[in-house]
Amino acid sequence: MRKMIAGLIFIFTAAVAQAEPVRVAALGDSLVQGYGLPQGQGWVPQLQRWLGEKGAEARLINAGVSGDTTAGGAARIDWTLADKPDALIVALGGNDLLRGIAPAESRANLIHILETSKTIGVPVLLVGIQAPGNYGADFKLEFDAIFPELSAEYGTLLHVDSLAGIRAVTGNDPQAAGKYLQDDGIHPNAEGVALNVAAIGPKVLDLVAQAAQ
């Protein structure tokens, strides 16, 4: 009888454990935080709904801070991982570009984040962002290479461009992109976020599956 009860308890405990959603922390800047958007229309809540519609058992944790650079993310990574998420999305670099921070510095900060994540065995989805051409061709080449190179080195999943959804619809036409941006011309509006979420969603599903293994 005791063995039967113990077996039932084990099965029940295992079922409960399997029912727990995968907890995914999204470490990022204002694009993740949801700057300028109504409640429920930011990147995290829209992605949460997208995942739910696909049947993914996942819960996103918004670790986005408006204005954060890769240095800010590196300073916060220990605190972010202290809550023991099952997986991590790293979406930083936009503010480095706005401030003209040297690509080597951005790379070093992202390495710190990835090294810390690797140490505790958290699977990572690294999200890149494309540099504009106004800093020159060499800067753009060096910056854009950071994300695929680090992803290959650390064995992370990669989504090469955080604005891929908008870019897929508008190309590199600033006037066309304006429809999907807020008045500041930088941050996506709710419609633009929806496009970007649909673009990155499949990679997040891969991350959730990886964490659930």
N, C-alpha and C. Protein backbone atom coordinates (compact mmCIF):
# COMPACT_ATOMS: atom_id res chain seq x y z
N MET A 1 0.83 -1.21 0.00
CA MET A 1 0.00 0.00 0.00
C MET A 1 0.86 1.26 0.00
N ARG A 2 1.91 1.22 0.85
CA ARG A 2 2.81 2.38 0.92
C ARG A 2 3.49 2.62 -0.42
N LYS A 3 3.88 1.52 -1.07
CA LYS A 3 4.55 1.65 -2.37
C LYS A 3 3.59 2.26 -3.40
N MET A 4 2.33 1.84 -3.34
CA MET A 4 1.34 2.35 -4.28
C MET A 4 1.12 3.84 -4.05
N ILE A 5 1.01 4.23 -2.78
CA ILE A 5 0.81 5.65 -2.45
C ILE A 5 2.02 6.47 -2.89
N ALA A 6 3.21 5.92 -2.60
CA ALA A 6 4.44 6.62 -3.00
C ALA A 6 4.50 6.79 -4.51
N GLY A 7 4.07 5.73 -5.23
CA GLY A 7 4.07 5.82 -6.69
C GLY A 7 3.11 6.86 -7.20
N LEU A 8 1.92 6.93 -6.58
CA LEU A 8 0.94 7.93 -6.98
C LEU A 8 1.45 9.34 -6.71
N ILE A 9 2.10 9.51 -5.55
CA ILE A 9 2.67 10.82 -5.21
C ILE A 9 3.72 11.22 -6.24
N PHE A 10 4.56 10.26 -6.63
CA PHE A 10 5.61 10.53 -7.62
C PHE A 10 5.00 10.96 -8.95
N ILE A 11 3.98 10.21 -9.38
CA ILE A 11 3.34 10.53 -10.66
C ILE A 11 2.70 11.91 -10.60
N PHE A 12 2.02 12.20 -9.47
CA PHE A 12 1.37 13.50 -9.32
C PHE A 12 2.40 14.63 -9.32
N THR A 13 3.50 14.42 -8.61
CA THR A 13 4.56 15.44 -8.53
C THR A 13 5.17 15.68 -9.90
N ALA A 14 5.40 14.59 -10.63
CA ALA A 14 5.98 14.72 -11.97
C ALA A 14 5.04 15.46 -12.90
N ALA A 15 3.74 15.17 -12.79
CA ALA A 15 2.75 15.84 -13.64
C ALA A 15 2.70 17.32 -13.34
N VAL A 16 2.76 17.68 -12.07
CA VAL A 16 2.76 19.09 -11.68
C VAL A 16 4.00 19.79 -12.21
N ALA A 17 5.14 19.09 -12.08
CA ALA A 17 6.41 19.67 -12.55
C ALA A 17 6.34 19.93 -14.05
N GLN A 18 5.77 18.97 -14.81
CA GLN A 18 5.68 19.13 -16.25
C GLN A 18 4.73 20.26 -16.63
N ALA A 19 3.75 20.52 -15.76
CA ALA A 19 2.75 21.55 -16.07
C ALA A 19 3.29 22.96 -15.83
N GLU A 20 4.39 23.06 -15.09
CA GLU A 20 4.96 24.37 -14.82
C GLU A 20 5.44 25.01 -16.12
N PRO A 21 5.07 26.24 -16.40
CA PRO A 21 5.54 26.88 -17.64
C PRO A 21 7.03 27.19 -17.59
N VAL A 22 7.65 27.20 -18.75
CA VAL A 22 9.04 27.60 -18.87
C VAL A 22 9.13 29.10 -18.63
N ARG A 23 9.97 29.50 -17.70
CA ARG A 23 10.12 30.92 -17.35
C ARG A 23 11.27 31.51 -18.16
N VAL A 24 10.96 32.52 -18.96
CA VAL A 24 11.93 33.12 -19.87
C VAL A 24 12.12 34.59 -19.50
N ALA A 25 13.32 34.95 -19.08
CA ALA A 25 13.63 36.35 -18.79
C ALA A 25 14.10 37.05 -20.06
N ALA A 26 13.53 38.21 -20.32
CA ALA A 26 13.91 39.01 -21.50
C ALA A 26 14.73 40.21 -21.03
N LEU A 27 16.04 40.10 -21.18
CA LEU A 27 16.97 41.16 -20.77
C LEU A 27 17.15 42.12 -21.94
N GLY A 28 16.71 43.36 -21.77
CA GLY A 28 16.78 44.27 -22.90
C GLY A 28 16.64 45.73 -22.51
N ASP A 29 16.38 46.55 -23.51
CA ASP A 29 16.25 47.99 -23.33
C ASP A 29 14.79 48.40 -23.49
N SER A 30 14.54 49.61 -23.98
CA SER A 30 13.17 50.12 -24.10
C SER A 30 12.32 49.31 -25.08
N LEU A 31 12.95 48.67 -26.06
CA LEU A 31 12.19 47.87 -27.02
C LEU A 31 11.54 46.67 -26.32
N VAL A 32 12.23 46.15 -25.31
CA VAL A 32 11.68 45.06 -24.50
C VAL A 32 10.75 45.61 -23.42
N GLN A 33 11.18 46.70 -22.79
CA GLN A 33 10.43 47.27 -21.67
C GLN A 33 9.04 47.75 -22.07
N GLY A 34 8.89 48.21 -23.32
CA GLY A 34 7.58 48.65 -23.80
C GLY A 34 7.39 50.14 -23.75
N TYR A 35 8.47 50.87 -23.93
CA TYR A 35 8.44 52.34 -23.86
C TYR A 35 7.36 52.95 -24.76
N GLY A 36 6.56 53.86 -24.18
CA GLY A 36 5.61 54.65 -24.93
C GLY A 36 4.36 53.92 -25.38
N LEU A 37 4.16 52.68 -24.94
CA LEU A 37 3.03 51.89 -25.41
C LEU A 37 2.01 51.68 -24.30
N PRO A 38 0.74 51.57 -24.66
CA PRO A 38 -0.30 51.28 -23.65
C PRO A 38 -0.03 49.94 -22.99
N GLN A 39 -0.53 49.80 -21.78
CA GLN A 39 -0.37 48.54 -21.07
C GLN A 39 -0.94 47.39 -21.90
N GLY A 40 -0.18 46.33 -22.01
CA GLY A 40 -0.63 45.18 -22.77
C GLY A 40 -0.23 45.20 -24.23
N GLN A 41 0.36 46.31 -24.70
CA GLN A 41 0.74 46.41 -26.11
C GLN A 41 2.25 46.39 -26.34
N GLY A 42 3.02 46.28 -25.27
CA GLY A 42 4.47 46.22 -25.39
C GLY A 42 4.94 44.89 -25.96
N TRP A 43 6.25 44.80 -26.11
CA TRP A 43 6.87 43.62 -26.72
C TRP A 43 6.62 42.36 -25.90
N VAL A 44 6.80 42.45 -24.59
CA VAL A 44 6.63 41.27 -23.74
C VAL A 44 5.18 40.77 -23.72
N PRO A 45 4.19 41.62 -23.44
CA PRO A 45 2.82 41.10 -23.44
C PRO A 45 2.35 40.61 -24.81
N GLN A 46 2.78 41.28 -25.88
CA GLN A 46 2.39 40.80 -27.21
C GLN A 46 3.04 39.46 -27.52
N LEU A 47 4.30 39.30 -27.14
CA LEU A 47 4.97 38.03 -27.36
C LEU A 47 4.36 36.93 -26.49
N GLN A 48 3.98 37.29 -25.27
CA GLN A 48 3.32 36.32 -24.38
C GLN A 48 2.03 35.80 -25.02
N ARG A 49 1.25 36.70 -25.60
CA ARG A 49 0.01 36.28 -26.27
C ARG A 49 0.30 35.43 -27.50
N TRP A 50 1.33 35.82 -28.25
CA TRP A 50 1.70 35.07 -29.45
C TRP A 50 2.08 33.64 -29.07
N LEU A 51 2.87 33.49 -28.03
CA LEU A 51 3.28 32.15 -27.58
C LEU A 51 2.08 31.34 -27.12
N GLY A 52 1.15 32.00 -26.41
CA GLY A 52 -0.05 31.32 -25.95
C GLY A 52 -0.88 30.81 -27.10
N GLU A 53 -0.99 31.62 -28.16
CA GLU A 53 -1.75 31.21 -29.34
C GLU A 53 -1.12 30.00 -30.04
N LYS A 54 0.19 29.84 -29.86
CA LYS A 54 0.88 28.70 -30.45
C LYS A 54 0.90 27.50 -29.52
N GLY A 55 0.30 27.64 -28.34
CA GLY A 55 0.24 26.54 -27.40
C GLY A 55 1.48 26.33 -26.56
N ALA A 56 2.36 27.33 -26.53
CA ALA A 56 3.60 27.21 -25.75
C ALA A 56 3.33 27.43 -24.27
N GLU A 57 3.87 26.53 -23.44
CA GLU A 57 3.76 26.68 -21.99
C GLU A 57 4.95 27.50 -21.52
N ALA A 58 4.81 28.81 -21.57
CA ALA A 58 5.92 29.71 -21.23
C ALA A 58 5.40 30.95 -20.53
N ARG A 59 6.22 31.49 -19.64
CA ARG A 59 5.89 32.75 -18.97
C ARG A 59 7.08 33.69 -19.12
N LEU A 60 6.84 34.83 -19.74
CA LEU A 60 7.90 35.81 -19.96
C LEU A 60 8.06 36.73 -18.76
N ILE A 61 9.30 37.06 -18.46
CA ILE A 61 9.63 38.00 -17.40
C ILE A 61 10.25 39.23 -18.05
N ASN A 62 9.66 40.39 -17.84
CA ASN A 62 10.14 41.61 -18.48
C ASN A 62 11.32 42.17 -17.70
N ALA A 63 12.52 41.97 -18.24
CA ALA A 63 13.74 42.51 -17.64
C ALA A 63 14.31 43.60 -18.55
N GLY A 64 13.41 44.36 -19.16
CA GLY A 64 13.82 45.47 -20.01
C GLY A 64 13.88 46.77 -19.23
N VAL A 65 14.90 47.55 -19.48
CA VAL A 65 15.08 48.85 -18.84
C VAL A 65 15.30 49.90 -19.92
N SER A 66 14.43 50.88 -19.98
CA SER A 66 14.54 51.92 -20.99
C SER A 66 15.87 52.66 -20.87
N GLY A 67 16.56 52.82 -21.99
CA GLY A 67 17.83 53.53 -22.00
C GLY A 67 19.03 52.64 -21.74
N ASP A 68 18.80 51.36 -21.46
CA ASP A 68 19.91 50.48 -21.11
C ASP A 68 20.81 50.20 -22.31
N THR A 69 22.11 50.19 -22.06
CA THR A 69 23.11 49.78 -23.04
C THR A 69 23.53 48.35 -22.74
N THR A 70 24.43 47.81 -23.53
CA THR A 70 24.96 46.48 -23.22
C THR A 70 25.69 46.51 -21.88
N ALA A 71 26.29 47.64 -21.54
CA ALA A 71 26.96 47.76 -20.23
C ALA A 71 25.95 47.65 -19.10
N GLY A 72 24.79 48.28 -19.27
CA GLY A 72 23.74 48.17 -18.26
C GLY A 72 23.25 46.74 -18.13
N GLY A 73 23.10 46.06 -19.26
CA GLY A 73 22.69 44.66 -19.22
C GLY A 73 23.72 43.79 -18.53
N ALA A 74 24.99 44.05 -18.80
CA ALA A 74 26.06 43.29 -18.14
C ALA A 74 26.05 43.52 -16.63
N ALA A 75 25.73 44.74 -16.23
CA ALA A 75 25.68 45.06 -14.80
C ALA A 75 24.49 44.40 -14.11
N ARG A 76 23.43 44.10 -14.90
CA ARG A 76 22.20 43.54 -14.32
C ARG A 76 22.07 42.03 -14.47
N ILE A 77 23.01 41.39 -15.18
CA ILE A 77 22.80 39.99 -15.51
C ILE A 77 22.75 39.09 -14.28
N ASP A 78 23.58 39.34 -13.30
CA ASP A 78 23.55 38.50 -12.08
C ASP A 78 22.21 38.61 -11.39
N TRP A 79 21.70 39.83 -11.30
CA TRP A 79 20.41 40.06 -10.64
C TRP A 79 19.29 39.40 -11.44
N THR A 80 19.36 39.49 -12.77
CA THR A 80 18.33 38.89 -13.62
C THR A 80 18.30 37.38 -13.47
N LEU A 81 19.47 36.76 -13.40
CA LEU A 81 19.55 35.32 -13.30
C LEU A 81 19.36 34.81 -11.87
N ALA A 82 19.39 35.71 -10.90
CA ALA A 82 19.20 35.30 -9.51
C ALA A 82 17.81 34.72 -9.29
N ASP A 83 16.85 35.12 -10.12
CA ASP A 83 15.49 34.61 -10.02
C ASP A 83 15.35 33.23 -10.67
N LYS A 84 16.45 32.71 -11.20
CA LYS A 84 16.54 31.37 -11.78
C LYS A 84 15.53 31.13 -12.92
N PRO A 85 15.57 31.97 -13.94
CA PRO A 85 14.72 31.68 -15.11
C PRO A 85 15.23 30.43 -15.81
N ASP A 86 14.36 29.81 -16.59
CA ASP A 86 14.74 28.60 -17.33
C ASP A 86 15.46 28.94 -18.63
N ALA A 87 15.27 30.16 -19.12
CA ALA A 87 15.88 30.57 -20.38
C ALA A 87 16.01 32.09 -20.38
N LEU A 88 16.83 32.58 -21.30
CA LEU A 88 17.13 34.02 -21.33
C LEU A 88 17.12 34.53 -22.77
N ILE A 89 16.43 35.65 -22.98
CA ILE A 89 16.51 36.39 -24.23
C ILE A 89 17.38 37.61 -23.97
N VAL A 90 18.38 37.84 -24.80
CA VAL A 90 19.25 39.01 -24.67
C VAL A 90 19.02 39.90 -25.88
N ALA A 91 18.41 41.07 -25.65
CA ALA A 91 18.08 41.98 -26.74
C ALA A 91 18.59 43.38 -26.39
N LEU A 92 19.86 43.60 -26.64
CA LEU A 92 20.53 44.85 -26.29
C LEU A 92 21.40 45.32 -27.46
N GLY A 93 21.72 46.60 -27.45
CA GLY A 93 22.62 47.14 -28.47
C GLY A 93 22.11 48.40 -29.13
N GLY A 94 20.79 48.63 -29.09
CA GLY A 94 20.23 49.82 -29.73
C GLY A 94 20.76 51.11 -29.14
N ASN A 95 20.86 51.17 -27.82
CA ASN A 95 21.35 52.39 -27.19
C ASN A 95 22.86 52.56 -27.35
N ASP A 96 23.57 51.45 -27.52
CA ASP A 96 25.00 51.55 -27.86
C ASP A 96 25.15 52.28 -29.20
N LEU A 97 24.26 51.93 -30.14
CA LEU A 97 24.31 52.58 -31.45
C LEU A 97 23.96 54.06 -31.35
N LEU A 98 22.94 54.38 -30.58
CA LEU A 98 22.54 55.78 -30.43
C LEU A 98 23.65 56.62 -29.82
N ARG A 99 24.46 56.01 -28.97
CA ARG A 99 25.54 56.74 -28.30
C ARG A 99 26.87 56.61 -29.02
N GLY A 100 26.90 55.82 -30.08
CA GLY A 100 28.14 55.65 -30.83
C GLY A 100 29.22 54.92 -30.06
N ILE A 101 28.82 54.00 -29.19
CA ILE A 101 29.78 53.24 -28.40
C ILE A 101 30.56 52.30 -29.31
N ALA A 102 31.84 52.18 -29.07
CA ALA A 102 32.70 51.34 -29.91
C ALA A 102 32.20 49.90 -29.92
N PRO A 103 32.13 49.28 -31.10
CA PRO A 103 31.67 47.89 -31.18
C PRO A 103 32.43 46.93 -30.28
N ALA A 104 33.72 47.17 -30.10
CA ALA A 104 34.52 46.29 -29.23
C ALA A 104 34.01 46.32 -27.80
N GLU A 105 33.55 47.48 -27.36
CA GLU A 105 33.01 47.61 -26.00
C GLU A 105 31.67 46.87 -25.90
N SER A 106 30.82 47.03 -26.90
CA SER A 106 29.54 46.32 -26.91
C SER A 106 29.77 44.81 -26.90
N ARG A 107 30.72 44.36 -27.68
CA ARG A 107 31.03 42.93 -27.75
C ARG A 107 31.48 42.42 -26.37
N ALA A 108 32.35 43.16 -25.71
CA ALA A 108 32.86 42.74 -24.40
C ALA A 108 31.72 42.62 -23.38
N ASN A 109 30.79 43.55 -23.42
CA ASN A 109 29.65 43.50 -22.49
C ASN A 109 28.76 42.29 -22.77
N LEU A 110 28.51 42.01 -24.04
CA LEU A 110 27.69 40.85 -24.39
C LEU A 110 28.40 39.55 -24.03
N ILE A 111 29.72 39.52 -24.17
CA ILE A 111 30.49 38.34 -23.76
C ILE A 111 30.29 38.08 -22.27
N HIS A 112 30.33 39.14 -21.48
CA HIS A 112 30.11 38.97 -20.03
C HIS A 112 28.74 38.36 -19.76
N ILE A 113 27.72 38.84 -20.44
CA ILE A 113 26.37 38.31 -20.27
C ILE A 113 26.31 36.84 -20.66
N LEU A 114 26.90 36.50 -21.79
CA LEU A 114 26.85 35.12 -22.28
C LEU A 114 27.70 34.19 -21.42
N GLU A 115 28.84 34.67 -20.95
CA GLU A 115 29.68 33.86 -20.06
C GLU A 115 28.94 33.54 -18.77
N THR A 116 28.27 34.55 -18.21
CA THR A 116 27.53 34.36 -16.97
C THR A 116 26.39 33.37 -17.17
N SER A 117 25.69 33.49 -18.27
CA SER A 117 24.59 32.58 -18.58
C SER A 117 25.09 31.15 -18.80
N LYS A 118 26.23 31.04 -19.48
CA LYS A 118 26.80 29.72 -19.75
C LYS A 118 27.21 29.03 -18.47
N THR A 119 27.71 29.80 -17.51
CA THR A 119 28.18 29.24 -16.25
C THR A 119 27.08 28.50 -15.51
N ILE A 120 25.85 29.03 -15.58
CA ILE A 120 24.75 28.38 -14.86
C ILE A 120 23.88 27.53 -15.79
N GLY A 121 24.27 27.44 -17.05
CA GLY A 121 23.59 26.52 -17.96
C GLY A 121 22.24 26.97 -18.45
N VAL A 122 22.02 28.29 -18.58
CA VAL A 122 20.75 28.81 -19.06
C VAL A 122 20.81 28.97 -20.59
N PRO A 123 19.89 28.35 -21.32
CA PRO A 123 19.89 28.54 -22.78
C PRO A 123 19.53 29.98 -23.14
N VAL A 124 20.13 30.49 -24.21
CA VAL A 124 20.01 31.90 -24.56
C VAL A 124 19.56 32.06 -26.01
N LEU A 125 18.70 33.03 -26.22
CA LEU A 125 18.39 33.53 -27.56
C LEU A 125 19.00 34.93 -27.65
N LEU A 126 19.99 35.09 -28.51
CA LEU A 126 20.65 36.38 -28.70
C LEU A 126 19.96 37.12 -29.84
N VAL A 127 19.56 38.36 -29.56
CA VAL A 127 18.83 39.16 -30.55
C VAL A 127 19.72 40.31 -31.00
N GLY A 128 20.00 40.35 -32.29
CA GLY A 128 20.85 41.40 -32.83
C GLY A 128 20.06 42.62 -33.25
N ILE A 129 20.79 43.64 -33.61
CA ILE A 129 20.20 44.85 -34.18
C ILE A 129 21.20 45.40 -35.19
N GLN A 130 20.73 45.91 -36.29
CA GLN A 130 21.61 46.34 -37.36
C GLN A 130 22.03 47.80 -37.18
N ALA A 131 23.31 48.05 -37.33
CA ALA A 131 23.83 49.41 -37.22
C ALA A 131 23.43 50.23 -38.44
N PRO A 132 23.14 51.53 -38.24
CA PRO A 132 22.89 52.40 -39.39
C PRO A 132 24.20 52.69 -40.11
N GLY A 133 24.11 53.30 -41.27
CA GLY A 133 25.32 53.57 -42.04
C GLY A 133 26.02 54.86 -41.69
N ASN A 134 25.42 55.66 -40.77
CA ASN A 134 25.98 57.00 -40.53
C ASN A 134 27.29 56.99 -39.74
N TYR A 135 27.66 55.85 -39.17
CA TYR A 135 28.96 55.77 -38.48
C TYR A 135 30.06 55.28 -39.41
N GLY A 136 29.70 54.98 -40.63
CA GLY A 136 30.68 54.50 -41.59
C GLY A 136 30.59 53.00 -41.81
N ALA A 137 31.11 52.55 -42.94
CA ALA A 137 31.00 51.14 -43.32
C ALA A 137 31.76 50.22 -42.37
N ASP A 138 32.92 50.66 -41.90
CA ASP A 138 33.73 49.81 -41.01
C ASP A 138 33.01 49.58 -39.68
N PHE A 139 32.43 50.64 -39.13
CA PHE A 139 31.69 50.52 -37.86
C PHE A 139 30.53 49.54 -38.05
N LYS A 140 29.77 49.73 -39.12
CA LYS A 140 28.61 48.87 -39.35
C LYS A 140 29.03 47.42 -39.50
N LEU A 141 30.07 47.18 -40.25
CA LEU A 141 30.55 45.81 -40.47
C LEU A 141 30.96 45.17 -39.15
N GLU A 142 31.69 45.92 -38.33
CA GLU A 142 32.17 45.39 -37.05
C GLU A 142 31.02 45.15 -36.08
N PHE A 143 30.08 46.09 -36.03
CA PHE A 143 28.97 45.95 -35.08
C PHE A 143 28.04 44.82 -35.49
N ASP A 144 27.64 44.78 -36.75
CA ASP A 144 26.69 43.77 -37.21
C ASP A 144 27.24 42.35 -37.03
N ALA A 145 28.57 42.22 -37.07
CA ALA A 145 29.19 40.90 -36.95
C ALA A 145 29.16 40.36 -35.52
N ILE A 146 28.95 41.24 -34.54
CA ILE A 146 29.01 40.83 -33.13
C ILE A 146 28.04 39.68 -32.85
N PHE A 147 26.81 39.83 -33.29
CA PHE A 147 25.75 38.91 -32.87
C PHE A 147 25.90 37.50 -33.48
N PRO A 148 26.07 37.37 -34.79
CA PRO A 148 26.26 36.02 -35.33
C PRO A 148 27.54 35.35 -34.83
N GLU A 149 28.59 36.15 -34.65
CA GLU A 149 29.85 35.57 -34.18
C GLU A 149 29.76 35.07 -32.74
N LEU A 150 29.15 35.87 -31.87
CA LEU A 150 29.01 35.44 -30.48
C LEU A 150 28.02 34.28 -30.35
N SER A 151 26.98 34.30 -31.16
CA SER A 151 26.02 33.21 -31.14
C SER A 151 26.71 31.89 -31.50
N ALA A 152 27.55 31.93 -32.53
CA ALA A 152 28.28 30.73 -32.94
C ALA A 152 29.27 30.29 -31.87
N GLU A 153 29.93 31.25 -31.26
CA GLU A 153 30.94 30.93 -30.25
C GLU A 153 30.33 30.32 -28.99
N TYR A 154 29.17 30.83 -28.58
CA TYR A 154 28.56 30.38 -27.32
C TYR A 154 27.40 29.40 -27.52
N GLY A 155 27.12 29.06 -28.76
CA GLY A 155 26.10 28.07 -29.03
C GLY A 155 24.70 28.51 -28.67
N THR A 156 24.39 29.80 -28.86
CA THR A 156 23.06 30.31 -28.56
C THR A 156 22.17 30.24 -29.79
N LEU A 157 20.89 30.37 -29.57
CA LEU A 157 19.98 30.66 -30.68
C LEU A 157 20.20 32.11 -31.10
N LEU A 158 19.86 32.43 -32.33
CA LEU A 158 20.10 33.78 -32.85
C LEU A 158 18.90 34.29 -33.65
N HIS A 159 18.49 35.51 -33.31
CA HIS A 159 17.55 36.26 -34.15
C HIS A 159 18.33 37.50 -34.56
N VAL A 160 18.65 37.59 -35.81
CA VAL A 160 19.69 38.52 -36.25
C VAL A 160 19.29 39.99 -36.17
N ASP A 161 17.99 40.29 -36.19
CA ASP A 161 17.56 41.69 -36.24
C ASP A 161 16.28 41.88 -35.44
N SER A 162 16.36 42.67 -34.37
CA SER A 162 15.19 42.89 -33.51
C SER A 162 14.06 43.61 -34.22
N LEU A 163 14.37 44.30 -35.31
CA LEU A 163 13.36 45.03 -36.08
C LEU A 163 13.02 44.31 -37.39
N ALA A 164 13.28 43.01 -37.42
CA ALA A 164 13.11 42.25 -38.66
C ALA A 164 11.68 42.29 -39.18
N GLY A 165 10.70 42.31 -38.28
CA GLY A 165 9.31 42.31 -38.71
C GLY A 165 8.95 43.56 -39.49
N ILE A 166 9.36 44.70 -38.96
CA ILE A 166 9.10 45.97 -39.65
C ILE A 166 9.90 46.04 -40.95
N ARG A 167 11.15 45.59 -40.88
CA ARG A 167 12.02 45.67 -42.05
C ARG A 167 11.51 44.78 -43.19
N ALA A 168 10.90 43.65 -42.82
CA ALA A 168 10.38 42.74 -43.85
C ALA A 168 9.25 43.38 -44.64
N VAL A 169 8.52 44.28 -44.00
CA VAL A 169 7.38 44.93 -44.65
C VAL A 169 7.80 46.20 -45.39
N THR A 170 8.77 46.90 -44.83
CA THR A 170 9.11 48.23 -45.36
C THR A 170 10.48 48.30 -46.04
N GLY A 171 11.27 47.22 -45.94
CA GLY A 171 12.63 47.28 -46.46
C GLY A 171 13.43 48.31 -45.69
N ASN A 172 14.20 49.11 -46.38
CA ASN A 172 14.98 50.17 -45.74
C ASN A 172 14.40 51.55 -46.05
N ASP A 173 13.10 51.59 -46.29
CA ASP A 173 12.43 52.84 -46.62
C ASP A 173 11.96 53.53 -45.33
N PRO A 174 12.64 54.60 -44.89
CA PRO A 174 12.28 55.27 -43.65
C PRO A 174 10.85 55.80 -43.65
N GLN A 175 10.38 56.26 -44.79
CA GLN A 175 9.03 56.81 -44.87
C GLN A 175 7.99 55.71 -44.64
N ALA A 176 8.22 54.55 -45.25
CA ALA A 176 7.30 53.43 -45.06
C ALA A 176 7.35 52.91 -43.63
N ALA A 177 8.54 52.92 -43.03
CA ALA A 177 8.70 52.43 -41.66
C ALA A 177 7.97 53.32 -40.67
N GLY A 178 7.80 54.60 -41.02
CA GLY A 178 7.15 55.54 -40.11
C GLY A 178 5.77 55.11 -39.66
N LYS A 179 5.08 54.36 -40.48
CA LYS A 179 3.75 53.87 -40.15
C LYS A 179 3.77 52.97 -38.92
N TYR A 180 4.91 52.33 -38.68
CA TYR A 180 5.02 51.35 -37.61
C TYR A 180 5.85 51.85 -36.42
N LEU A 181 6.12 53.15 -36.41
CA LEU A 181 6.92 53.74 -35.35
C LEU A 181 6.13 54.79 -34.58
N GLN A 182 6.54 55.02 -33.34
CA GLN A 182 5.96 56.10 -32.55
C GLN A 182 6.46 57.44 -33.09
N ASP A 183 5.97 58.50 -32.51
CA ASP A 183 6.30 59.84 -33.01
C ASP A 183 7.78 60.17 -32.93
N ASP A 184 8.52 59.48 -32.05
CA ASP A 184 9.95 59.75 -31.94
C ASP A 184 10.74 59.15 -33.11
N GLY A 185 10.08 58.34 -33.94
CA GLY A 185 10.76 57.76 -35.10
C GLY A 185 11.75 56.67 -34.75
N ILE A 186 11.76 56.23 -33.50
CA ILE A 186 12.71 55.21 -33.05
C ILE A 186 12.01 53.96 -32.55
N HIS A 187 11.04 54.16 -31.65
CA HIS A 187 10.39 53.03 -31.00
C HIS A 187 9.18 52.56 -31.80
N PRO A 188 9.03 51.25 -31.97
CA PRO A 188 7.85 50.74 -32.68
C PRO A 188 6.56 51.06 -31.94
N ASN A 189 5.51 51.33 -32.70
CA ASN A 189 4.18 51.44 -32.10
C ASN A 189 3.61 50.03 -31.94
N ALA A 190 2.38 49.91 -31.47
CA ALA A 190 1.82 48.59 -31.20
C ALA A 190 1.79 47.71 -32.45
N GLU A 191 1.49 48.33 -33.60
CA GLU A 191 1.44 47.58 -34.85
C GLU A 191 2.83 47.11 -35.25
N GLY A 192 3.82 47.97 -35.04
CA GLY A 192 5.20 47.59 -35.34
C GLY A 192 5.70 46.49 -34.42
N VAL A 193 5.33 46.56 -33.15
CA VAL A 193 5.70 45.51 -32.21
C VAL A 193 5.12 44.17 -32.65
N ALA A 194 3.87 44.19 -33.10
CA ALA A 194 3.23 42.95 -33.55
C ALA A 194 4.01 42.32 -34.70
N LEU A 195 4.51 43.14 -35.63
CA LEU A 195 5.31 42.61 -36.73
C LEU A 195 6.61 42.00 -36.23
N ASN A 196 7.26 42.70 -35.30
CA ASN A 196 8.53 42.21 -34.77
C ASN A 196 8.34 40.94 -33.94
N VAL A 197 7.23 40.87 -33.21
CA VAL A 197 6.93 39.69 -32.41
C VAL A 197 6.71 38.48 -33.31
N ALA A 198 5.96 38.66 -34.40
CA ALA A 198 5.71 37.56 -35.32
C ALA A 198 7.01 37.06 -35.96
N ALA A 199 7.96 37.98 -36.15
CA ALA A 199 9.24 37.60 -36.76
C ALA A 199 10.12 36.81 -35.80
N ILE A 200 10.14 37.21 -34.54
CA ILE A 200 11.02 36.54 -33.57
C ILE A 200 10.34 35.33 -32.92
N GLY A 201 9.03 35.28 -32.98
CA GLY A 201 8.28 34.24 -32.27
C GLY A 201 8.78 32.82 -32.48
N PRO A 202 9.02 32.39 -33.72
CA PRO A 202 9.50 31.01 -33.93
C PRO A 202 10.80 30.71 -33.20
N LYS A 203 11.70 31.69 -33.11
CA LYS A 203 12.96 31.47 -32.38
C LYS A 203 12.70 31.36 -30.88
N VAL A 204 11.72 32.10 -30.38
CA VAL A 204 11.38 31.99 -28.96
C VAL A 204 10.76 30.62 -28.68
N LEU A 205 9.97 30.12 -29.60
CA LEU A 205 9.44 28.75 -29.46
C LEU A 205 10.58 27.74 -29.39
N ASP A 206 11.60 27.93 -30.20
CA ASP A 206 12.77 27.05 -30.16
C ASP A 206 13.46 27.14 -28.79
N LEU A 207 13.55 28.35 -28.25
CA LEU A 207 14.17 28.56 -26.95
C LEU A 207 13.37 27.85 -25.85
N VAL A 208 12.06 28.00 -25.90
CA VAL A 208 11.20 27.35 -24.90
C VAL A 208 11.36 25.83 -24.98
N ALA A 209 11.39 25.30 -26.19
CA ALA A 209 11.56 23.85 -26.36
C ALA A 209 12.90 23.39 -25.82
N GLN A 210 13.93 24.19 -26.07
CA GLN A 210 15.27 23.86 -25.59
C GLN A 210 15.32 23.85 -24.07
N ALA A 211 14.68 24.83 -23.46
CA ALA A 211 14.67 24.93 -21.99
C ALA A 211 13.86 23.82 -21.35
N ALA A 212 12.86 23.33 -22.06
CA ALA A 212 11.97 22.30 -21.50
C ALA A 212 12.57 20.90 -21.55
N GLN A 213 13.68 20.73 -22.27
CA GLN A 213 14.30 19.42 -22.41
C GLN A 213 14.90 18.92 -21.09
